[in-house]
Protein backbone atom coordinates (compact mmCIF):
# COMPACT_ATOMS: atom_id res chain seq x y z
CA MET A 1 -17.88 1.60 26.19
CA SER A 2 -15.29 3.83 27.75
CA HIS A 3 -13.34 6.41 25.80
CA GLU A 4 -10.03 4.64 26.44
CA ILE A 5 -11.21 1.42 24.82
CA VAL A 6 -12.43 3.28 21.73
CA LEU A 7 -9.14 5.16 21.51
CA ALA A 8 -7.14 1.94 21.85
CA ALA A 9 -9.24 0.18 19.20
CA CYS A 10 -8.79 3.12 16.81
CA ALA A 11 -5.03 3.11 17.39
CA ILE A 12 -4.80 -0.62 16.70
CA GLY A 13 -6.94 -0.26 13.58
CA ALA A 14 -4.80 2.64 12.36
CA ALA A 15 -1.63 0.60 12.89
CA LEU A 16 -3.07 -2.29 10.91
CA ALA A 17 -4.16 0.05 8.11
CA VAL A 18 -0.63 1.45 7.86
CA LEU A 19 0.66 -2.08 7.27
CA VAL A 20 -0.98 -1.84 3.84
CA GLY A 21 1.79 0.62 2.93
CA LEU A 22 4.40 -1.93 3.92
CA ALA A 23 2.79 -4.56 1.72
CA ALA A 24 2.60 -2.09 -1.17
CA GLY A 25 6.31 -1.38 -0.84
CA PHE A 26 7.18 -5.06 -0.94
CA SER A 27 4.93 -5.70 -3.92
CA THR A 28 6.31 -2.73 -5.85
CA GLY A 29 9.87 -3.87 -5.24
CA ASN A 30 9.10 -7.43 -6.23
CA ALA A 31 7.30 -6.36 -9.41
CA THR A 32 10.12 -4.04 -10.40
CA GLY A 33 12.69 -6.80 -9.90
CA LYS A 34 10.69 -9.24 -11.99
CA ALA A 35 10.22 -6.63 -14.72
CA ILE A 36 13.97 -6.01 -14.88
CA GLU A 37 14.58 -9.76 -15.15
CA SER A 38 11.98 -10.03 -17.92
CA ILE A 39 13.48 -7.14 -19.87
CA ALA A 40 16.93 -8.71 -19.54
CA ARG A 41 15.58 -11.93 -21.05
CA GLN A 42 13.47 -10.33 -23.80
CA PRO A 43 14.54 -6.75 -24.56
CA GLU A 44 12.13 -6.53 -27.50
CA ALA A 45 9.16 -6.84 -25.09
CA SER A 46 10.29 -3.99 -22.85
CA GLY A 47 7.45 -1.67 -23.91
CA LYS A 48 4.71 -4.09 -22.90
CA ILE A 49 6.50 -5.05 -19.71
CA MET A 50 6.98 -1.43 -18.65
CA SER A 51 3.32 -0.62 -19.39
CA ALA A 52 2.12 -3.48 -17.19
CA LEU A 53 4.64 -2.53 -14.50
CA ILE A 54 3.49 1.08 -14.36
CA ILE A 55 -0.19 0.12 -14.17
CA GLY A 56 0.49 -2.47 -11.45
CA ASN A 57 2.61 -0.06 -9.43
CA GLY A 58 -0.14 2.53 -9.71
CA PHE A 59 -2.64 0.10 -8.22
CA ALA A 60 -0.23 -0.83 -5.42
CA GLU A 61 0.41 2.79 -4.52
CA ALA A 62 -3.31 3.59 -4.65
CA THR A 63 -3.88 0.79 -2.15
CA ALA A 64 -1.19 2.26 0.11
CA ILE A 65 -2.84 5.68 -0.07
CA TYR A 66 -6.20 4.13 0.86
CA GLY A 67 -4.57 2.49 3.88
CA LEU A 68 -3.05 5.80 4.92
CA LEU A 69 -6.42 7.53 4.53
CA VAL A 70 -8.15 4.90 6.67
CA SER A 71 -5.51 5.18 9.38
CA ILE A 72 -5.78 8.98 9.48
CA LEU A 73 -9.57 8.76 9.69
CA LEU A 74 -9.36 6.23 12.53
CA ILE A 75 -6.95 8.43 14.45
CA PHE A 76 -9.20 11.49 14.16
CA VAL A 77 -12.33 9.49 15.03
CA GLY A 78 -10.57 8.07 18.09
CA ILE A 79 -9.44 11.50 19.25
CA LYS A 80 -12.84 13.09 18.70
CA GLY A 81 -14.91 10.13 19.92
């Protein structure tokens, strides 16, 4: 396989891995909106709702960081390879 094909494949893979960050942003925004709606309906449950929201947002952001890490690794492997 030529070096150009490996570099192109790594660039495409890195671009797809970065899309994980886009999905994490959408999911965080959607979850926050739903949490605000839930708190507006039941203010007495705000503590439980906020706890679940923070844990869920933490998982979403961790997924985005993993996608960023994979994309950076693919870029460096493509450059070195």
